[in-house]
């Protein structure tokens, strides 16, 4: 959960270096935008799929998608490849953030739930 929250914000400070290393300033706004758009749009899909196939398998798939997309982003050689990797990172991140919230709702009583959602929000 911490890594997905960090990944949303840390890239903003690295954008000048990224555009210099990839020799392209075109589409630099999509580095962060693709991540946030994919994360916001795919969260509900992950939750619906977890209703069908279960929470644990989908959380593991979301972690795998996030890890593979992170590796792909690190190995990007041009801007379109990085933007695609960041979008895939957003898909995995949306799944992780939403599925953790659903898992908390499943695991804890209504009385205790606010404490754990507070911890999740502090991240």
C-alpha atoms as a PDB file:
ATOM      1  CA  UNK A   1       0.000   0.000   0.000  1.00  0.00           C
ATOM      2  CA  UNK A   2       2.844   2.362   0.854  1.00  0.00           C
ATOM      3  CA  UNK A   3       4.566   1.671  -2.466  1.00  0.00           C
ATOM      4  CA  UNK A   4       1.445   2.499  -4.483  1.00  0.00           C
ATOM      5  CA  UNK A   5       0.968   5.766  -2.608  1.00  0.00           C
ATOM      6  CA  UNK A   6       4.639   6.635  -3.026  1.00  0.00           C
ATOM      7  CA  UNK A   7       4.538   5.795  -6.723  1.00  0.00           C
ATOM      8  CA  UNK A   8       1.762   8.338  -7.273  1.00  0.00           C
ATOM      9  CA  UNK A   9       3.805  11.262  -5.993  1.00  0.00           C
ATOM     10  CA  UNK A  10       7.510  10.504  -6.273  1.00  0.00           C
ATOM     11  CA  UNK A  11       7.576  10.589 -10.059  1.00  0.00           C
ATOM     12  CA  UNK A  12       6.790  14.317 -10.095  1.00  0.00           C
ATOM     13  CA  UNK A  13      10.228  15.170  -8.743  1.00  0.00           C
ATOM     14  CA  UNK A  14      11.938  12.837 -11.214  1.00  0.00           C
ATOM     15  CA  UNK A  15      10.220  14.047 -14.407  1.00  0.00           C
ATOM     16  CA  UNK A  16      13.000  16.484 -15.449  1.00  0.00           C
ATOM     17  CA  UNK A  17      15.607  13.727 -15.139  1.00  0.00           C
ATOM     18  CA  UNK A  18      13.378  11.204 -16.902  1.00  0.00           C
ATOM     19  CA  UNK A  19      12.729  13.497 -19.875  1.00  0.00           C
ATOM     20  CA  UNK A  20      16.457  14.243 -20.123  1.00  0.00           C
ATOM     21  CA  UNK A  21      17.457  10.562 -20.003  1.00  0.00           C
ATOM     22  CA  UNK A  22      14.825   9.512 -22.541  1.00  0.00           C
ATOM     23  CA  UNK A  23      15.634  12.523 -24.778  1.00  0.00           C
ATOM     24  CA  UNK A  24      11.972  13.435 -25.061  1.00  0.00           C
ATOM     25  CA  UNK A  25       9.839  16.046 -23.379  1.00  0.00           C
ATOM     26  CA  UNK A  26       6.782  15.157 -25.450  1.00  0.00           C
ATOM     27  CA  UNK A  27       4.110  13.505 -23.348  1.00  0.00           C
ATOM     28  CA  UNK A  28       5.781  14.119 -20.007  1.00  0.00           C
ATOM     29  CA  UNK A  29       2.410  14.984 -18.460  1.00  0.00           C
ATOM     30  CA  UNK A  30       1.191  11.494 -19.304  1.00  0.00           C
ATOM     31  CA  UNK A  31       3.833   9.931 -17.056  1.00  0.00           C
ATOM     32  CA  UNK A  32       1.745  10.832 -14.022  1.00  0.00           C
ATOM     33  CA  UNK A  33      -1.585  11.151 -15.795  1.00  0.00           C
ATOM     34  CA  UNK A  34      -1.621   7.636 -17.237  1.00  0.00           C
ATOM     35  CA  UNK A  35      -0.946   6.193 -13.789  1.00  0.00           C
ATOM     36  CA  UNK A  36      -3.691   8.156 -12.059  1.00  0.00           C
ATOM     37  CA  UNK A  37      -6.240   7.613 -14.837  1.00  0.00           C
ATOM     38  CA  UNK A  38      -5.665   3.856 -14.926  1.00  0.00           C
ATOM     39  CA  UNK A  39      -5.673   3.616 -11.136  1.00  0.00           C
ATOM     40  CA  UNK A  40      -8.962   5.467 -10.792  1.00  0.00           C
ATOM     41  CA  UNK A  41     -10.714   3.670 -13.625  1.00  0.00           C
ATOM     42  CA  UNK A  42      -9.662   0.102 -12.828  1.00  0.00           C
ATOM     43  CA  UNK A  43     -10.318   0.012  -9.084  1.00  0.00           C
ATOM     44  CA  UNK A  44     -13.979  -0.898  -9.385  1.00  0.00           C
ATOM     45  CA  UNK A  45     -13.206  -3.608 -11.936  1.00  0.00           C
ATOM     46  CA  UNK A  46     -10.767  -5.238  -9.505  1.00  0.00           C
ATOM     47  CA  UNK A  47     -13.371  -5.176  -6.732  1.00  0.00           C
ATOM     48  CA  UNK A  48     -16.059  -6.738  -8.920  1.00  0.00           C
ATOM     49  CA  UNK A  49     -13.635  -9.454 -10.041  1.00  0.00           C
ATOM     50  CA  UNK A  50     -12.732 -10.125  -6.401  1.00  0.00           C
ATOM     51  CA  UNK A  51     -16.426 -10.692  -5.687  1.00  0.00           C
ATOM     52  CA  UNK A  52     -16.363 -13.414  -8.334  1.00  0.00           C
ATOM     53  CA  UNK A  53     -12.949 -15.068  -7.818  1.00  0.00           C
ATOM     54  CA  UNK A  54     -12.077 -14.153  -4.244  1.00  0.00           C
ATOM     55  CA  UNK A  55      -9.982 -11.509  -2.516  1.00  0.00           C
ATOM     56  CA  UNK A  56      -6.674 -13.305  -2.045  1.00  0.00           C
ATOM     57  CA  UNK A  57      -6.111 -14.414  -5.662  1.00  0.00           C
ATOM     58  CA  UNK A  58      -6.927 -10.935  -6.958  1.00  0.00           C
ATOM     59  CA  UNK A  59      -4.633  -9.230  -4.442  1.00  0.00           C
ATOM     60  CA  UNK A  60      -1.827 -11.534  -5.578  1.00  0.00           C
ATOM     61  CA  UNK A  61      -2.578 -10.785  -9.232  1.00  0.00           C
ATOM     62  CA  UNK A  62      -2.576  -7.048  -8.497  1.00  0.00           C
ATOM     63  CA  UNK A  63       0.811  -7.351  -6.767  1.00  0.00           C
ATOM     64  CA  UNK A  64       2.141  -9.308  -9.760  1.00  0.00           C
ATOM     65  CA  UNK A  65       0.805  -6.725 -12.246  1.00  0.00           C
ATOM     66  CA  UNK A  66       2.343  -3.928 -10.183  1.00  0.00           C
ATOM     67  CA  UNK A  67       5.717  -5.710  -9.986  1.00  0.00           C
ATOM     68  CA  UNK A  68       5.863  -6.526 -13.701  1.00  0.00           C
ATOM     69  CA  UNK A  69       4.836  -2.991 -14.635  1.00  0.00           C
ATOM     70  CA  UNK A  70       7.485  -1.568 -12.295  1.00  0.00           C
ATOM     71  CA  UNK A  71      10.125  -3.662 -14.014  1.00  0.00           C
ATOM     72  CA  UNK A  72       8.838  -2.570 -17.403  1.00  0.00           C
ATOM     73  CA  UNK A  73       8.959   1.093 -16.344  1.00  0.00           C
ATOM     74  CA  UNK A  74      12.533   0.726 -15.139  1.00  0.00           C
ATOM     75  CA  UNK A  75      13.574  -0.854 -18.430  1.00  0.00           C
ATOM     76  CA  UNK A  76      11.799   1.715 -20.631  1.00  0.00           C
ATOM     77  CA  UNK A  77      13.882   3.003 -23.505  1.00  0.00           C
ATOM     78  CA  UNK A  78      11.532   5.688 -24.807  1.00  0.00           C
ATOM     79  CA  UNK A  79       8.632   7.841 -23.664  1.00  0.00           C
ATOM     80  CA  UNK A  80       5.726   5.774 -25.116  1.00  0.00           C
ATOM     81  CA  UNK A  81       7.074   2.646 -23.440  1.00  0.00           C
ATOM     82  CA  UNK A  82       7.331   4.478 -20.116  1.00  0.00           C
ATOM     83  CA  UNK A  83       3.802   5.878 -20.419  1.00  0.00           C
ATOM     84  CA  UNK A  84       2.421   2.401 -21.187  1.00  0.00           C
ATOM     85  CA  UNK A  85       4.302   0.966 -18.212  1.00  0.00           C
ATOM     86  CA  UNK A  86       2.996   3.723 -15.953  1.00  0.00           C
ATOM     87  CA  UNK A  87      -0.559   3.001 -17.129  1.00  0.00           C
ATOM     88  CA  UNK A  88      -0.059  -0.674 -16.292  1.00  0.00           C
ATOM     89  CA  UNK A  89       1.350   0.389 -12.923  1.00  0.00           C
ATOM     90  CA  UNK A  90      -1.862   2.327 -12.376  1.00  0.00           C
ATOM     91  CA  UNK A  91      -3.934  -0.756 -13.129  1.00  0.00           C
ATOM     92  CA  UNK A  92      -2.051  -2.736 -10.486  1.00  0.00           C
ATOM     93  CA  UNK A  93      -2.124   0.158  -8.042  1.00  0.00           C
ATOM     94  CA  UNK A  94      -5.868   0.620  -8.417  1.00  0.00           C
ATOM     95  CA  UNK A  95      -6.338  -3.035  -7.616  1.00  0.00           C
ATOM     96  CA  UNK A  96      -4.101  -2.914  -4.579  1.00  0.00           C
ATOM     97  CA  UNK A  97      -5.666   0.194  -3.091  1.00  0.00           C
ATOM     98  CA  UNK A  98      -9.252  -0.928  -3.580  1.00  0.00           C
ATOM     99  CA  UNK A  99      -8.713  -4.556  -2.624  1.00  0.00           C
ATOM    100  CA  UNK A 100      -6.961  -3.598   0.613  1.00  0.00           C
ATOM    101  CA  UNK A 101      -9.966  -1.453   1.514  1.00  0.00           C
ATOM    102  CA  UNK A 102     -12.338  -4.314   0.713  1.00  0.00           C
ATOM    103  CA  UNK A 103     -10.208  -6.778   2.691  1.00  0.00           C
ATOM    104  CA  UNK A 104     -10.323  -4.468   5.718  1.00  0.00           C
ATOM    105  CA  UNK A 105     -14.100  -4.274   5.393  1.00  0.00           C
ATOM    106  CA  UNK A 106     -14.285  -8.080   5.217  1.00  0.00           C
ATOM    107  CA  UNK A 107     -11.921  -8.775   8.104  1.00  0.00           C
ATOM    108  CA  UNK A 108     -12.948  -6.319  10.804  1.00  0.00           C
ATOM    109  CA  UNK A 109     -16.190  -5.474  12.532  1.00  0.00           C
ATOM    110  CA  UNK A 110     -17.906  -2.176  11.905  1.00  0.00           C
ATOM    111  CA  UNK A 111     -16.684  -0.938  15.275  1.00  0.00           C
ATOM    112  CA  UNK A 112     -12.988  -1.675  14.570  1.00  0.00           C
ATOM    113  CA  UNK A 113     -13.037  -0.834  10.890  1.00  0.00           C
ATOM    114  CA  UNK A 114     -12.544   2.915  11.302  1.00  0.00           C
ATOM    115  CA  UNK A 115      -9.232   2.367  13.103  1.00  0.00           C
ATOM    116  CA  UNK A 116      -7.816   0.281  10.251  1.00  0.00           C
ATOM    117  CA  UNK A 117      -9.155   2.620   7.580  1.00  0.00           C
ATOM    118  CA  UNK A 118      -7.428   5.430   9.478  1.00  0.00           C
ATOM    119  CA  UNK A 119      -4.142   3.546   9.320  1.00  0.00           C
ATOM    120  CA  UNK A 120      -4.677   2.944   5.609  1.00  0.00           C
ATOM    121  CA  UNK A 121      -5.441   6.633   5.082  1.00  0.00           C
ATOM    122  CA  UNK A 122      -2.295   7.651   6.941  1.00  0.00           C
ATOM    123  CA  UNK A 123      -0.244   5.861   4.326  1.00  0.00           C
END
